[in-house]
Amino acid sequence: MIESLAGESLAGDWRERMGSWATLVEHPSGDHPALASAYHGEAAHLLTFDADLQTAGANASLKAHVETSVKSPDAFARLFDPAALYEVAVGGDYPGPDRDPRH
């Protein structure tokens, strides 16, 4: 996805950087692979286009196992405030979404 939107160079740099963060996880047959990744990665949010995972019932049943909120990408984009998170997680002024992420 990154390569198709931003080019081969950025995609290669992203793979290299994210490789150290990635963890291979096993998940039960029939389970959604993203759920196992969210669980093992202690994700606060799981972004998916899978409508079955986005229902209130699915979110409620997941809460018994993980502290992960399942949202569609567009719903997350409406709620997420990167500047506020940046200040808490990194410190300083948020450089904005249009900067080169390699710097």
PDB file of N, CA and C in Angstrom:
ATOM      1  N   MET A   1       0.831  -1.182   0.000  1.00  0.00           N
ATOM      2  CA  MET A   1       0.000   0.000   0.000  1.00  0.00           C
ATOM      3  C   MET A   1       0.881   1.253   0.000  1.00  0.00           C
ATOM      4  N   ILE A   2       1.871   1.272   0.860  1.00  0.00           N
ATOM      5  CA  ILE A   2       2.732   2.449   0.947  1.00  0.00           C
ATOM      6  C   ILE A   2       3.452   2.682  -0.370  1.00  0.00           C
ATOM      7  N   GLU A   3       3.925   1.598  -0.965  1.00  0.00           N
ATOM      8  CA  GLU A   3       4.641   1.724  -2.238  1.00  0.00           C
ATOM      9  C   GLU A   3       3.739   2.303  -3.321  1.00  0.00           C
ATOM     10  N   SER A   4       2.497   1.852  -3.378  1.00  0.00           N
ATOM     11  CA  SER A   4       1.588   2.340  -4.421  1.00  0.00           C
ATOM     12  C   SER A   4       1.217   3.804  -4.211  1.00  0.00           C
ATOM     13  N   LEU A   5       1.204   4.261  -2.964  1.00  0.00           N
ATOM     14  CA  LEU A   5       0.826   5.646  -2.684  1.00  0.00           C
ATOM     15  C   LEU A   5       2.009   6.608  -2.595  1.00  0.00           C
ATOM     16  N   ALA A   6       3.154   6.111  -2.086  1.00  0.00           N
ATOM     17  CA  ALA A   6       4.262   7.029  -1.800  1.00  0.00           C
ATOM     18  C   ALA A   6       5.581   6.643  -2.456  1.00  0.00           C
ATOM     19  N   GLY A   7       5.630   5.500  -3.101  1.00  0.00           N
ATOM     20  CA  GLY A   7       6.843   5.133  -3.812  1.00  0.00           C
ATOM     21  C   GLY A   7       7.650   4.038  -3.148  1.00  0.00           C
ATOM     22  N   GLU A   8       8.502   3.424  -3.954  1.00  0.00           N
ATOM     23  CA  GLU A   8       9.300   2.281  -3.519  1.00  0.00           C
ATOM     24  C   GLU A   8      10.285   2.631  -2.406  1.00  0.00           C
ATOM     25  N   SER A   9      10.895   3.796  -2.477  1.00  0.00           N
ATOM     26  CA  SER A   9      11.902   4.191  -1.494  1.00  0.00           C
ATOM     27  C   SER A   9      11.304   4.286  -0.083  1.00  0.00           C
ATOM     28  N   LEU A  10      10.193   4.983   0.028  1.00  0.00           N
ATOM     29  CA  LEU A  10       9.552   5.132   1.338  1.00  0.00           C
ATOM     30  C   LEU A  10       9.043   3.784   1.840  1.00  0.00           C
ATOM     31  N   ALA A  11       8.481   2.965   0.954  1.00  0.00           N
ATOM     32  CA  ALA A  11       7.985   1.646   1.356  1.00  0.00           C
ATOM     33  C   ALA A  11       9.121   0.780   1.890  1.00  0.00           C
ATOM     34  N   GLY A  12      10.276   0.816   1.227  1.00  0.00           N
ATOM     35  CA  GLY A  12      11.425   0.040   1.702  1.00  0.00           C
ATOM     36  C   GLY A  12      11.907   0.517   3.058  1.00  0.00           C
ATOM     37  N   ASP A  13      11.960   1.814   3.236  1.00  0.00           N
ATOM     38  CA  ASP A  13      12.367   2.368   4.535  1.00  0.00           C
ATOM     39  C   ASP A  13      11.368   1.992   5.623  1.00  0.00           C
ATOM     40  N   TRP A  14      10.073   2.010   5.278  1.00  0.00           N
ATOM     41  CA  TRP A  14       9.044   1.648   6.251  1.00  0.00           C
ATOM     42  C   TRP A  14       9.202   0.189   6.659  1.00  0.00           C
ATOM     43  N   ARG A  15       9.383  -0.719   5.671  1.00  0.00           N
ATOM     44  CA  ARG A  15       9.553  -2.139   5.984  1.00  0.00           C
ATOM     45  C   ARG A  15      10.731  -2.349   6.916  1.00  0.00           C
ATOM     46  N   GLU A  16      11.816  -1.660   6.640  1.00  0.00           N
ATOM     47  CA  GLU A  16      13.020  -1.807   7.466  1.00  0.00           C
ATOM     48  C   GLU A  16      12.756  -1.340   8.893  1.00  0.00           C
ATOM     49  N   ARG A  17      12.119  -0.215   9.030  1.00  0.00           N
ATOM     50  CA  ARG A  17      11.860   0.342  10.357  1.00  0.00           C
ATOM     51  C   ARG A  17      10.813  -0.461  11.132  1.00  0.00           C
ATOM     52  N   MET A  18       9.763  -0.883  10.469  1.00  0.00           N
ATOM     53  CA  MET A  18       8.686  -1.609  11.129  1.00  0.00           C
ATOM     54  C   MET A  18       9.056  -3.058  11.413  1.00  0.00           C
ATOM     55  N   GLY A  19      10.026  -3.597  10.692  1.00  0.00           N
ATOM     56  CA  GLY A  19      10.425  -4.983  10.904  1.00  0.00           C
ATOM     57  C   GLY A  19      10.801  -5.273  12.335  1.00  0.00           C
ATOM     58  N   SER A  20      11.410  -4.320  13.007  1.00  0.00           N
ATOM     59  CA  SER A  20      11.809  -4.536  14.399  1.00  0.00           C
ATOM     60  C   SER A  20      10.606  -4.490  15.349  1.00  0.00           C
ATOM     61  N   TRP A  21       9.505  -3.917  14.910  1.00  0.00           N
ATOM     62  CA  TRP A  21       8.317  -3.832  15.753  1.00  0.00           C
ATOM     63  C   TRP A  21       7.364  -4.990  15.532  1.00  0.00           C
ATOM     64  N   ALA A  22       7.476  -5.637  14.383  1.00  0.00           N
ATOM     65  CA  ALA A  22       6.530  -6.681  14.014  1.00  0.00           C
ATOM     66  C   ALA A  22       6.765  -7.951  14.829  1.00  0.00           C
ATOM     67  N   THR A  23       5.682  -8.605  15.170  1.00  0.00           N
ATOM     68  CA  THR A  23       5.731  -9.869  15.888  1.00  0.00           C
ATOM     69  C   THR A  23       4.850 -10.856  15.151  1.00  0.00           C
ATOM     70  N   LEU A  24       5.402 -12.011  14.852  1.00  0.00           N
ATOM     71  CA  LEU A  24       4.613 -13.056  14.210  1.00  0.00           C
ATOM     72  C   LEU A  24       3.756 -13.718  15.279  1.00  0.00           C
ATOM     73  N   VAL A  25       2.460 -13.750  15.054  1.00  0.00           N
ATOM     74  CA  VAL A  25       1.554 -14.345  16.035  1.00  0.00           C
ATOM     75  C   VAL A  25       0.752 -15.469  15.391  1.00  0.00           C
ATOM     76  N   GLU A  26       0.424 -16.455  16.201  1.00  0.00           N
ATOM     77  CA  GLU A  26      -0.440 -17.545  15.776  1.00  0.00           C
ATOM     78  C   GLU A  26      -1.863 -17.203  16.202  1.00  0.00           C
ATOM     79  N   HIS A  27      -2.818 -17.627  15.402  1.00  0.00           N
ATOM     80  CA  HIS A  27      -4.206 -17.405  15.786  1.00  0.00           C
ATOM     81  C   HIS A  27      -5.021 -18.640  15.434  1.00  0.00           C
ATOM     82  N   PRO A  28      -6.084 -18.889  16.198  1.00  0.00           N
ATOM     83  CA  PRO A  28      -6.904 -20.074  15.956  1.00  0.00           C
ATOM     84  C   PRO A  28      -7.517 -20.055  14.559  1.00  0.00           C
ATOM     85  N   SER A  29      -7.715 -21.230  13.994  1.00  0.00           N
ATOM     86  CA  SER A  29      -8.368 -21.352  12.700  1.00  0.00           C
ATOM     87  C   SER A  29      -9.752 -20.706  12.775  1.00  0.00           C
ATOM     88  N   GLY A  30     -10.067 -19.912  11.787  1.00  0.00           N
ATOM     89  CA  GLY A  30     -11.362 -19.242  11.760  1.00  0.00           C
ATOM     90  C   GLY A  30     -11.364 -17.899  12.461  1.00  0.00           C
ATOM     91  N   ASP A  31     -10.328 -17.612  13.224  1.00  0.00           N
ATOM     92  CA  ASP A  31     -10.228 -16.330  13.911  1.00  0.00           C
ATOM     93  C   ASP A  31      -9.691 -15.287  12.931  1.00  0.00           C
ATOM     94  N   HIS A  32     -10.009 -14.056  13.177  1.00  0.00           N
ATOM     95  CA  HIS A  32      -9.519 -12.970  12.332  1.00  0.00           C
ATOM     96  C   HIS A  32      -8.065 -12.692  12.701  1.00  0.00           C
ATOM     97  N   PRO A  33      -7.121 -12.723  11.731  1.00  0.00           N
ATOM     98  CA  PRO A  33      -5.699 -12.533  12.055  1.00  0.00           C
ATOM     99  C   PRO A  33      -5.410 -11.193  12.738  1.00  0.00           C
ATOM    100  N   ALA A  34      -6.178 -10.183  12.416  1.00  0.00           N
ATOM    101  CA  ALA A  34      -5.949  -8.879  13.039  1.00  0.00           C
ATOM    102  C   ALA A  34      -6.249  -8.908  14.532  1.00  0.00           C
ATOM    103  N   LEU A  35      -7.187  -9.758  14.958  1.00  0.00           N
ATOM    104  CA  LEU A  35      -7.510  -9.841  16.389  1.00  0.00           C
ATOM    105  C   LEU A  35      -6.335 -10.382  17.185  1.00  0.00           C
ATOM    106  N   ALA A  36      -5.682 -11.408  16.664  1.00  0.00           N
ATOM    107  CA  ALA A  36      -4.513 -11.962  17.359  1.00  0.00           C
ATOM    108  C   ALA A  36      -3.397 -10.924  17.413  1.00  0.00           C
ATOM    109  N   SER A  37      -3.202 -10.214  16.343  1.00  0.00           N
ATOM    110  CA  SER A  37      -2.163  -9.174  16.313  1.00  0.00           C
ATOM    111  C   SER A  37      -2.484  -8.057  17.303  1.00  0.00           C
ATOM    112  N   ALA A  38      -3.745  -7.653  17.346  1.00  0.00           N
ATOM    113  CA  ALA A  38      -4.146  -6.601  18.285  1.00  0.00           C
ATOM    114  C   ALA A  38      -3.951  -7.060  19.725  1.00  0.00           C
ATOM    115  N   TYR A  39      -4.303  -8.306  19.997  1.00  0.00           N
ATOM    116  CA  TYR A  39      -4.152  -8.854  21.343  1.00  0.00           C
ATOM    117  C   TYR A  39      -2.682  -8.900  21.756  1.00  0.00           C
ATOM    118  N   HIS A  40      -1.848  -9.508  20.939  1.00  0.00           N
ATOM    119  CA  HIS A  40      -0.430  -9.649  21.281  1.00  0.00           C
ATOM    120  C   HIS A  40       0.306  -8.308  21.264  1.00  0.00           C
ATOM    121  N   GLY A  41      -0.153  -7.386  20.445  1.00  0.00           N
ATOM    122  CA  GLY A  41       0.485  -6.075  20.368  1.00  0.00           C
ATOM    123  C   GLY A  41      -0.095  -5.064  21.332  1.00  0.00           C
ATOM    124  N   GLU A  42      -1.080  -5.497  22.131  1.00  0.00           N
ATOM    125  CA  GLU A  42      -1.745  -4.615  23.094  1.00  0.00           C
ATOM    126  C   GLU A  42      -2.239  -3.338  22.429  1.00  0.00           C
ATOM    127  N   ALA A  43      -2.856  -3.503  21.256  1.00  0.00           N
ATOM    128  CA  ALA A  43      -3.348  -2.360  20.483  1.00  0.00           C
ATOM    129  C   ALA A  43      -4.557  -1.722  21.148  1.00  0.00           C
ATOM    130  N   ALA A  44      -4.581  -0.419  21.126  1.00  0.00           N
ATOM    131  CA  ALA A  44      -5.736   0.305  21.641  1.00  0.00           C
ATOM    132  C   ALA A  44      -6.872   0.310  20.620  1.00  0.00           C
ATOM    133  N   HIS A  45      -6.516   0.258  19.337  1.00  0.00           N
ATOM    134  CA  HIS A  45      -7.512   0.308  18.265  1.00  0.00           C
ATOM    135  C   HIS A  45      -7.166  -0.706  17.187  1.00  0.00           C
ATOM    136  N   LEU A  46      -8.193  -1.286  16.608  1.00  0.00           N
ATOM    137  CA  LEU A  46      -8.054  -2.148  15.449  1.00  0.00           C
ATOM    138  C   LEU A  46      -8.874  -1.510  14.335  1.00  0.00           C
ATOM    139  N   LEU A  47      -8.204  -1.130  13.259  1.00  0.00           N
ATOM    140  CA  LEU A  47      -8.890  -0.514  12.127  1.00  0.00           C
ATOM    141  C   LEU A  47      -9.139  -1.580  11.080  1.00  0.00           C
ATOM    142  N   THR A  48     -10.394  -1.708  10.664  1.00  0.00           N
ATOM    143  CA  THR A  48     -10.756  -2.744   9.713  1.00  0.00           C
ATOM    144  C   THR A  48     -11.948  -2.315   8.868  1.00  0.00           C
ATOM    145  N   PHE A  49     -12.008  -2.864   7.661  1.00  0.00           N
ATOM    146  CA  PHE A  49     -13.177  -2.676   6.803  1.00  0.00           C
ATOM    147  C   PHE A  49     -14.186  -3.810   7.012  1.00  0.00           C
ATOM    148  N   ASP A  50     -13.869  -4.781   7.870  1.00  0.00           N
ATOM    149  CA  ASP A  50     -14.732  -5.928   8.135  1.00  0.00           C
ATOM    150  C   ASP A  50     -15.926  -5.474   8.978  1.00  0.00           C
ATOM    151  N   ALA A  51     -17.077  -5.377   8.350  1.00  0.00           N
ATOM    152  CA  ALA A  51     -18.278  -4.875   9.028  1.00  0.00           C
ATOM    153  C   ALA A  51     -18.684  -5.753  10.208  1.00  0.00           C
ATOM    154  N   ASP A  52     -18.411  -7.064  10.134  1.00  0.00           N
ATOM    155  CA  ASP A  52     -18.768  -7.959  11.244  1.00  0.00           C
ATOM    156  C   ASP A  52     -17.995  -7.622  12.518  1.00  0.00           C
ATOM    157  N   LEU A  53     -16.764  -7.154  12.387  1.00  0.00           N
ATOM    158  CA  LEU A  53     -15.958  -6.799  13.559  1.00  0.00           C
ATOM    159  C   LEU A  53     -16.304  -5.411  14.097  1.00  0.00           C
ATOM    160  N   GLN A  54     -16.979  -4.600  13.302  1.00  0.00           N
ATOM    161  CA  GLN A  54     -17.280  -3.221  13.702  1.00  0.00           C
ATOM    162  C   GLN A  54     -18.584  -3.085  14.486  1.00  0.00           C
ATOM    163  N   THR A  55     -19.328  -4.157  14.645  1.00  0.00           N
ATOM    164  CA  THR A  55     -20.619  -4.063  15.328  1.00  0.00           C
ATOM    165  C   THR A  55     -20.438  -3.841  16.822  1.00  0.00           C
ATOM    166  N   ALA A  56     -21.457  -3.284  17.445  1.00  0.00           N
ATOM    167  CA  ALA A  56     -21.419  -3.070  18.901  1.00  0.00           C
ATOM    168  C   ALA A  56     -21.306  -4.406  19.633  1.00  0.00           C
ATOM    169  N   GLY A  57     -21.990  -5.436  19.133  1.00  0.00           N
ATOM    170  CA  GLY A  57     -21.928  -6.751  19.759  1.00  0.00           C
ATOM    171  C   GLY A  57     -20.537  -7.352  19.704  1.00  0.00           C
ATOM    172  N   ALA A  58     -19.884  -7.215  18.561  1.00  0.00           N
ATOM    173  CA  ALA A  58     -18.517  -7.740  18.426  1.00  0.00           C
ATOM    174  C   ALA A  58     -17.576  -6.989  19.370  1.00  0.00           C
ATOM    175  N   ASN A  59     -17.704  -5.665  19.422  1.00  0.00           N
ATOM    176  CA  ASN A  59     -16.868  -4.880  20.321  1.00  0.00           C
ATOM    177  C   ASN A  59     -17.093  -5.292  21.774  1.00  0.00           C
ATOM    178  N   ALA A  60     -18.340  -5.501  22.157  1.00  0.00           N
ATOM    179  CA  ALA A  60     -18.645  -5.883  23.540  1.00  0.00           C
ATOM    180  C   ALA A  60     -18.062  -7.258  23.866  1.00  0.00           C
ATOM    181  N   SER A  61     -18.166  -8.216  22.949  1.00  0.00           N
ATOM    182  CA  SER A  61     -17.629  -9.545  23.235  1.00  0.00           C
ATOM    183  C   SER A  61     -16.103  -9.544  23.252  1.00  0.00           C
ATOM    184  N   LEU A  62     -15.485  -8.681  22.476  1.00  0.00           N
ATOM    185  CA  LEU A  62     -14.024  -8.586  22.481  1.00  0.00           C
ATOM    186  C   LEU A  62     -13.495  -8.015  23.784  1.00  0.00           C
ATOM    187  N   LYS A  63     -14.248  -7.132  24.419  1.00  0.00           N
ATOM    188  CA  LYS A  63     -13.801  -6.473  25.659  1.00  0.00           C
ATOM    189  C   LYS A  63     -13.474  -7.471  26.765  1.00  0.00           C
ATOM    190  N   ALA A  64     -14.063  -8.658  26.705  1.00  0.00           N
ATOM    191  CA  ALA A  64     -13.764  -9.682  27.710  1.00  0.00           C
ATOM    192  C   ALA A  64     -12.360 -10.252  27.533  1.00  0.00           C
ATOM    193  N   HIS A  65     -11.783 -10.034  26.354  1.00  0.00           N
ATOM    194  CA  HIS A  65     -10.481 -10.632  26.043  1.00  0.00           C
ATOM    195  C   HIS A  65      -9.379  -9.603  25.777  1.00  0.00           C
ATOM    196  N   VAL A  66      -9.738  -8.471  25.202  1.00  0.00           N
ATOM    197  CA  VAL A  66      -8.742  -7.450  24.844  1.00  0.00           C
ATOM    198  C   VAL A  66      -9.296  -6.056  25.114  1.00  0.00           C
ATOM    199  N   GLU A  67      -8.409  -5.139  25.366  1.00  0.00           N
ATOM    200  CA  GLU A  67      -8.789  -3.735  25.548  1.00  0.00           C
ATOM    201  C   GLU A  67      -8.570  -3.002  24.226  1.00  0.00           C
ATOM    202  N   THR A  68      -9.216  -3.510  23.193  1.00  0.00           N
ATOM    203  CA  THR A  68      -9.051  -2.965  21.856  1.00  0.00           C
ATOM    204  C   THR A  68     -10.401  -2.522  21.326  1.00  0.00           C
ATOM    205  N   SER A  69     -10.455  -1.340  20.783  1.00  0.00           N
ATOM    206  CA  SER A  69     -11.659  -0.823  20.170  1.00  0.00           C
ATOM    207  C   SER A  69     -11.560  -1.039  18.664  1.00  0.00           C
ATOM    208  N   VAL A  70     -12.575  -1.650  18.077  1.00  0.00           N
ATOM    209  CA  VAL A  70     -12.594  -1.911  16.641  1.00  0.00           C
ATOM    210  C   VAL A  70     -13.367  -0.801  15.946  1.00  0.00           C
ATOM    211  N   LYS A  71     -12.727  -0.212  14.950  1.00  0.00           N
ATOM    212  CA  LYS A  71     -13.345   0.896  14.224  1.00  0.00           C
ATOM    213  C   LYS A  71     -13.043   0.787  12.734  1.00  0.00           C
ATOM    214  N   SER A  72     -13.880   1.408  11.938  1.00  0.00           N
ATOM    215  CA  SER A  72     -13.561   1.548  10.521  1.00  0.00           C
ATOM    216  C   SER A  72     -12.495   2.640  10.414  1.00  0.00           C
ATOM    217  N   PRO A  73     -11.661   2.601   9.392  1.00  0.00           N
ATOM    218  CA  PRO A  73     -10.633   3.639   9.252  1.00  0.00           C
ATOM    219  C   PRO A  73     -11.204   5.050   9.210  1.00  0.00           C
ATOM    220  N   ASP A  74     -12.344   5.253   8.536  1.00  0.00           N
ATOM    221  CA  ASP A  74     -12.895   6.605   8.469  1.00  0.00           C
ATOM    222  C   ASP A  74     -13.425   7.077   9.822  1.00  0.00           C
ATOM    223  N   ALA A  75     -13.990   6.169  10.619  1.00  0.00           N
ATOM    224  CA  ALA A  75     -14.446   6.539  11.967  1.00  0.00           C
ATOM    225  C   ALA A  75     -13.260   6.918  12.842  1.00  0.00           C
ATOM    226  N   PHE A  76     -12.190   6.159  12.742  1.00  0.00           N
ATOM    227  CA  PHE A  76     -10.987   6.472  13.516  1.00  0.00           C
ATOM    228  C   PHE A  76     -10.419   7.830  13.116  1.00  0.00           C
ATOM    229  N   ALA A  77     -10.371   8.103  11.827  1.00  0.00           N
ATOM    230  CA  ALA A  77      -9.823   9.386  11.342  1.00  0.00           C
ATOM    231  C   ALA A  77     -10.634  10.568  11.868  1.00  0.00           C
ATOM    232  N   ARG A  78     -11.953  10.376  12.029  1.00  0.00           N
ATOM    233  CA  ARG A  78     -12.786  11.469  12.559  1.00  0.00           C
ATOM    234  C   ARG A  78     -12.522  11.715  14.044  1.00  0.00           C
ATOM    235  N   LEU A  79     -12.127  10.683  14.790  1.00  0.00           N
ATOM    236  CA  LEU A  79     -11.938  10.792  16.235  1.00  0.00           C
ATOM    237  C   LEU A  79     -10.503  11.059  16.665  1.00  0.00           C
ATOM    238  N   PHE A  80      -9.555  10.608  15.882  1.00  0.00           N
ATOM    239  CA  PHE A  80      -8.145  10.642  16.267  1.00  0.00           C
ATOM    240  C   PHE A  80      -7.577  12.053  16.171  1.00  0.00           C
ATOM    241  N   ASP A  81      -6.863  12.485  17.199  1.00  0.00           N
ATOM    242  CA  ASP A  81      -6.211  13.790  17.223  1.00  0.00           C
ATOM    243  C   ASP A  81      -4.703  13.579  17.323  1.00  0.00           C
ATOM    244  N   PRO A  82      -4.012  13.513  16.173  1.00  0.00           N
ATOM    245  CA  PRO A  82      -2.581  13.202  16.210  1.00  0.00           C
ATOM    246  C   PRO A  82      -1.753  14.241  16.954  1.00  0.00           C
ATOM    247  N   ALA A  83      -2.131  15.502  16.898  1.00  0.00           N
ATOM    248  CA  ALA A  83      -1.354  16.540  17.578  1.00  0.00           C
ATOM    249  C   ALA A  83      -1.369  16.339  19.090  1.00  0.00           C
ATOM    250  N   ALA A  84      -2.528  16.001  19.645  1.00  0.00           N
ATOM    251  CA  ALA A  84      -2.631  15.784  21.086  1.00  0.00           C
ATOM    252  C   ALA A  84      -1.837  14.546  21.503  1.00  0.00           C
ATOM    253  N   LEU A  85      -1.909  13.474  20.743  1.00  0.00           N
ATOM    254  CA  LEU A  85      -1.163  12.268  21.062  1.00  0.00           C
ATOM    255  C   LEU A  85       0.337  12.497  20.928  1.00  0.00           C
ATOM    256  N   TYR A  86       0.744  13.228  19.925  1.00  0.00           N
ATOM    257  CA  TYR A  86       2.166  13.508  19.707  1.00  0.00           C
ATOM    258  C   TYR A  86       2.753  14.236  20.916  1.00  0.00           C
ATOM    259  N   GLU A  87       2.036  15.204  21.414  1.00  0.00           N
ATOM    260  CA  GLU A  87       2.513  15.972  22.558  1.00  0.00           C
ATOM    261  C   GLU A  87       2.739  15.067  23.769  1.00  0.00           C
ATOM    262  N   VAL A  88       1.831  14.113  24.006  1.00  0.00           N
ATOM    263  CA  VAL A  88       1.930  13.203  25.145  1.00  0.00           C
ATOM    264  C   VAL A  88       2.985  12.121  24.902  1.00  0.00           C
ATOM    265  N   ALA A  89       2.986  11.521  23.711  1.00  0.00           N
ATOM    266  CA  ALA A  89       3.840  10.366  23.430  1.00  0.00           C
ATOM    267  C   ALA A  89       5.271  10.741  23.064  1.00  0.00           C
ATOM    268  N   VAL A  90       5.453  11.844  22.351  1.00  0.00           N
ATOM    269  CA  VAL A  90       6.772  12.223  21.852  1.00  0.00           C
ATOM    270  C   VAL A  90       7.283  13.495  22.517  1.00  0.00           C
ATOM    271  N   GLY A  91       6.388  14.447  22.668  1.00  0.00           N
ATOM    272  CA  GLY A  91       6.756  15.748  23.228  1.00  0.00           C
ATOM    273  C   GLY A  91       7.049  16.750  22.137  1.00  0.00           C
ATOM    274  N   GLY A  92       6.823  17.984  22.441  1.00  0.00           N
ATOM    275  CA  GLY A  92       7.081  19.037  21.463  1.00  0.00           C
ATOM    276  C   GLY A  92       5.908  19.258  20.529  1.00  0.00           C
ATOM    277  N   ASP A  93       6.158  20.067  19.517  1.00  0.00           N
ATOM    278  CA  ASP A  93       5.114  20.412  18.560  1.00  0.00           C
ATOM    279  C   ASP A  93       4.960  19.335  17.498  1.00  0.00           C
ATOM    280  N   TYR A  94       3.729  19.025  17.156  1.00  0.00           N
ATOM    281  CA  TYR A  94       3.416  18.042  16.130  1.00  0.00           C
ATOM    282  C   TYR A  94       3.885  18.576  14.771  1.00  0.00           C
ATOM    283  N   PRO A  95       4.717  17.804  14.061  1.00  0.00           N
ATOM    284  CA  PRO A  95       5.256  18.300  12.791  1.00  0.00           C
ATOM    285  C   PRO A  95       4.272  18.212  11.633  1.00  0.00           C
ATOM    286  N   GLY A  96       3.125  17.600  11.831  1.00  0.00           N
ATOM    287  CA  GLY A  96       2.118  17.527  10.795  1.00  0.00           C
ATOM    288  C   GLY A  96       2.203  16.251   9.977  1.00  0.00           C
ATOM    289  N   PRO A  97       1.133  15.946   9.254  1.00  0.00           N
ATOM    290  CA  PRO A  97       1.073  14.698   8.505  1.00  0.00           C
ATOM    291  C   PRO A  97       1.854  14.704   7.194  1.00  0.00           C
ATOM    292  N   ASP A  98       2.247  15.853   6.725  1.00  0.00           N
ATOM    293  CA  ASP A  98       2.854  15.927   5.390  1.00  0.00           C
ATOM    294  C   ASP A  98       4.384  15.925   5.411  1.00  0.00           C
ATOM    295  N   ARG A  99       4.972  15.686   6.545  1.00  0.00           N
ATOM    296  CA  ARG A  99       6.441  15.634   6.608  1.00  0.00           C
ATOM    297  C   ARG A  99       6.926  14.271   6.140  1.00  0.00           C
ATOM    298  N   ASP A 100       8.166  14.178   5.761  1.00  0.00           N
ATOM    299  CA  ASP A 100       8.757  12.898   5.376  1.00  0.00           C
ATOM    300  C   ASP A 100       8.955  12.089   6.655  1.00  0.00           C
ATOM    301  N   PRO A 101       8.295  10.925   6.782  1.00  0.00           N
ATOM    302  CA  PRO A 101       8.367  10.158   8.026  1.00  0.00           C
ATOM    303  C   PRO A 101       9.753   9.578   8.327  1.00  0.00           C
ATOM    304  N   ARG A 102      10.675   9.692   7.399  1.00  0.00           N
ATOM    305  CA  ARG A 102      12.025   9.173   7.641  1.00  0.00           C
ATOM    306  C   ARG A 102      12.881  10.161   8.421  1.00  0.00           C
ATOM    307  N   HIS A 103      12.344  11.337   8.691  1.00  0.00           N
ATOM    308  CA  HIS A 103      13.118  12.357   9.421  1.00  0.00           C
ATOM    309  C   HIS A 103      12.535  12.606  10.780  1.00  0.00           C
TER     310      HIS A 103
END
